[in-house]
Amino acid sequence: MTGESRSATVIALTDVECYRLDKDAFHDILQKRPELAEHISEVMARRQVELEAKREDLNEEAMNARLSKHHRDLLQRIRGFFGLD
């Protein structure tokens, strides 16, 4: 989503069907629905902060501060990577 290397590995516990969108196809989607970048960055930021909170035993105030910062940073990087700025 940002052009960076992935930061997680997923192992399916059951059979799954996966679909892959390349950058160009996803770019077309974001061009038509730019609000998706906002939503995706929000979900990614929330998941990242939840993981950090568990690792670092963060309180709610610290989590909220990080969430806001991570969301802004991720949204900017997603927009930059897909040329949406």
C-alpha atoms as a PDB file:
ATOM      1  CA  MET A   1       0.000   0.000   0.000  1.00  0.00           C
ATOM      2  CA  THR A   2       2.942   2.342   0.525  1.00  0.00           C
ATOM      3  CA  GLY A   3       5.637   0.764  -1.627  1.00  0.00           C
ATOM      4  CA  GLU A   4       7.483  -0.539   1.428  1.00  0.00           C
ATOM      5  CA  SER A   5       8.259  -4.181   2.060  1.00  0.00           C
ATOM      6  CA  ARG A   6       5.538  -6.114   3.817  1.00  0.00           C
ATOM      7  CA  SER A   7       5.776  -6.233   7.583  1.00  0.00           C
ATOM      8  CA  ALA A   8       3.730  -9.338   8.342  1.00  0.00           C
ATOM      9  CA  THR A   9       3.267 -12.917   7.270  1.00  0.00           C
ATOM     10  CA  VAL A  10      -0.094 -14.644   7.193  1.00  0.00           C
ATOM     11  CA  ILE A  11      -0.648 -18.374   7.378  1.00  0.00           C
ATOM     12  CA  ALA A  12      -4.122 -19.635   6.522  1.00  0.00           C
ATOM     13  CA  LEU A  13      -5.576 -22.237   8.857  1.00  0.00           C
ATOM     14  CA  THR A  14      -8.036 -23.429   6.211  1.00  0.00           C
ATOM     15  CA  ASP A  15      -8.259 -23.441   2.427  1.00  0.00           C
ATOM     16  CA  VAL A  16      -8.711 -19.924   1.046  1.00  0.00           C
ATOM     17  CA  GLU A  17      -9.152 -18.201  -2.275  1.00  0.00           C
ATOM     18  CA  CYS A  18      -6.904 -15.192  -2.714  1.00  0.00           C
ATOM     19  CA  TYR A  19      -7.123 -12.392  -5.214  1.00  0.00           C
ATOM     20  CA  ARG A  20      -4.256 -10.134  -6.125  1.00  0.00           C
ATOM     21  CA  LEU A  21      -4.587  -6.593  -7.387  1.00  0.00           C
ATOM     22  CA  ASP A  22      -1.481  -5.117  -8.918  1.00  0.00           C
ATOM     23  CA  LYS A  23      -0.563  -1.497  -8.330  1.00  0.00           C
ATOM     24  CA  ASP A  24      -2.087  -0.254 -11.592  1.00  0.00           C
ATOM     25  CA  ALA A  25      -5.427  -1.949 -10.952  1.00  0.00           C
ATOM     26  CA  PHE A  26      -5.568  -0.660  -7.389  1.00  0.00           C
ATOM     27  CA  HIS A  27      -4.573   2.803  -8.583  1.00  0.00           C
ATOM     28  CA  ASP A  28      -7.586   2.808 -10.900  1.00  0.00           C
ATOM     29  CA  ILE A  29      -9.832   1.878  -7.980  1.00  0.00           C
ATOM     30  CA  LEU A  30      -8.415   4.634  -5.778  1.00  0.00           C
ATOM     31  CA  GLN A  31      -8.796   7.167  -8.586  1.00  0.00           C
ATOM     32  CA  LYS A  32     -12.495   6.351  -8.752  1.00  0.00           C
ATOM     33  CA  ARG A  33     -12.956   6.096  -4.982  1.00  0.00           C
ATOM     34  CA  PRO A  34     -10.257   8.175  -3.238  1.00  0.00           C
ATOM     35  CA  GLU A  35     -12.075   7.853   0.093  1.00  0.00           C
ATOM     36  CA  LEU A  36     -10.880   4.228   0.180  1.00  0.00           C
ATOM     37  CA  ALA A  37      -7.334   5.438   0.857  1.00  0.00           C
ATOM     38  CA  GLU A  38      -8.657   7.234   3.936  1.00  0.00           C
ATOM     39  CA  HIS A  39     -10.442   4.126   5.193  1.00  0.00           C
ATOM     40  CA  ILE A  40      -7.574   1.744   4.447  1.00  0.00           C
ATOM     41  CA  SER A  41      -5.030   3.988   6.168  1.00  0.00           C
ATOM     42  CA  GLU A  42      -7.316   4.207   9.208  1.00  0.00           C
ATOM     43  CA  VAL A  43      -7.599   0.413   9.468  1.00  0.00           C
ATOM     44  CA  MET A  44      -3.861  -0.073   8.963  1.00  0.00           C
ATOM     45  CA  ALA A  45      -3.018   2.571  11.567  1.00  0.00           C
ATOM     46  CA  ARG A  46      -5.429   1.078  14.104  1.00  0.00           C
ATOM     47  CA  ARG A  47      -3.943  -2.397  13.683  1.00  0.00           C
ATOM     48  CA  GLN A  48      -0.402  -1.062  13.961  1.00  0.00           C
ATOM     49  CA  VAL A  49      -1.189   0.890  17.134  1.00  0.00           C
ATOM     50  CA  GLU A  50      -3.001  -2.074  18.701  1.00  0.00           C
ATOM     51  CA  LEU A  51       0.099  -4.200  18.149  1.00  0.00           C
ATOM     52  CA  GLU A  52       2.373  -1.490  19.577  1.00  0.00           C
ATOM     53  CA  ALA A  53       0.046  -1.077  22.572  1.00  0.00           C
ATOM     54  CA  LYS A  54       0.374  -4.751  23.426  1.00  0.00           C
ATOM     55  CA  ARG A  55       4.131  -4.741  22.984  1.00  0.00           C
ATOM     56  CA  GLU A  56       4.703  -1.512  24.928  1.00  0.00           C
ATOM     57  CA  ASP A  57       1.770  -1.597  27.372  1.00  0.00           C
ATOM     58  CA  LEU A  58       0.489   1.793  26.190  1.00  0.00           C
ATOM     59  CA  ASN A  59      -2.352   3.581  27.918  1.00  0.00           C
ATOM     60  CA  GLU A  60      -5.361   4.887  26.015  1.00  0.00           C
ATOM     61  CA  GLU A  61      -4.025   8.436  25.734  1.00  0.00           C
ATOM     62  CA  ALA A  62      -0.761   7.231  24.200  1.00  0.00           C
ATOM     63  CA  MET A  63      -2.665   4.939  21.847  1.00  0.00           C
ATOM     64  CA  ASN A  64      -4.884   7.774  20.625  1.00  0.00           C
ATOM     65  CA  ALA A  65      -1.894  10.045  20.026  1.00  0.00           C
ATOM     66  CA  ARG A  66      -0.111   7.367  18.028  1.00  0.00           C
ATOM     67  CA  LEU A  67      -3.259   6.475  16.112  1.00  0.00           C
ATOM     68  CA  SER A  68      -3.673  10.027  14.877  1.00  0.00           C
ATOM     69  CA  LYS A  69      -0.022  10.293  13.831  1.00  0.00           C
ATOM     70  CA  HIS A  70       0.101   6.853  12.184  1.00  0.00           C
ATOM     71  CA  HIS A  71      -3.132   7.536  10.300  1.00  0.00           C
ATOM     72  CA  ARG A  72      -1.845  10.828   8.875  1.00  0.00           C
ATOM     73  CA  ASP A  73       1.517   9.297   7.960  1.00  0.00           C
ATOM     74  CA  LEU A  74       0.014   6.212   6.307  1.00  0.00           C
ATOM     75  CA  LEU A  75      -2.538   8.225   4.356  1.00  0.00           C
ATOM     76  CA  GLN A  76       0.201  10.518   3.052  1.00  0.00           C
ATOM     77  CA  ARG A  77       2.392   7.545   2.042  1.00  0.00           C
ATOM     78  CA  ILE A  78      -0.504   5.725   0.338  1.00  0.00           C
ATOM     79  CA  ARG A  79      -1.467   8.859  -1.581  1.00  0.00           C
ATOM     80  CA  GLY A  80       2.151   9.421  -2.573  1.00  0.00           C
ATOM     81  CA  PHE A  81       2.693   5.824  -3.692  1.00  0.00           C
ATOM     82  CA  PHE A  82      -0.419   5.845  -5.857  1.00  0.00           C
ATOM     83  CA  GLY A  83       0.074   9.411  -7.090  1.00  0.00           C
ATOM     84  CA  LEU A  84      -3.112  10.701  -5.479  1.00  0.00           C
ATOM     85  CA  ASP A  85      -1.615  13.918  -4.064  1.00  0.00           C
END
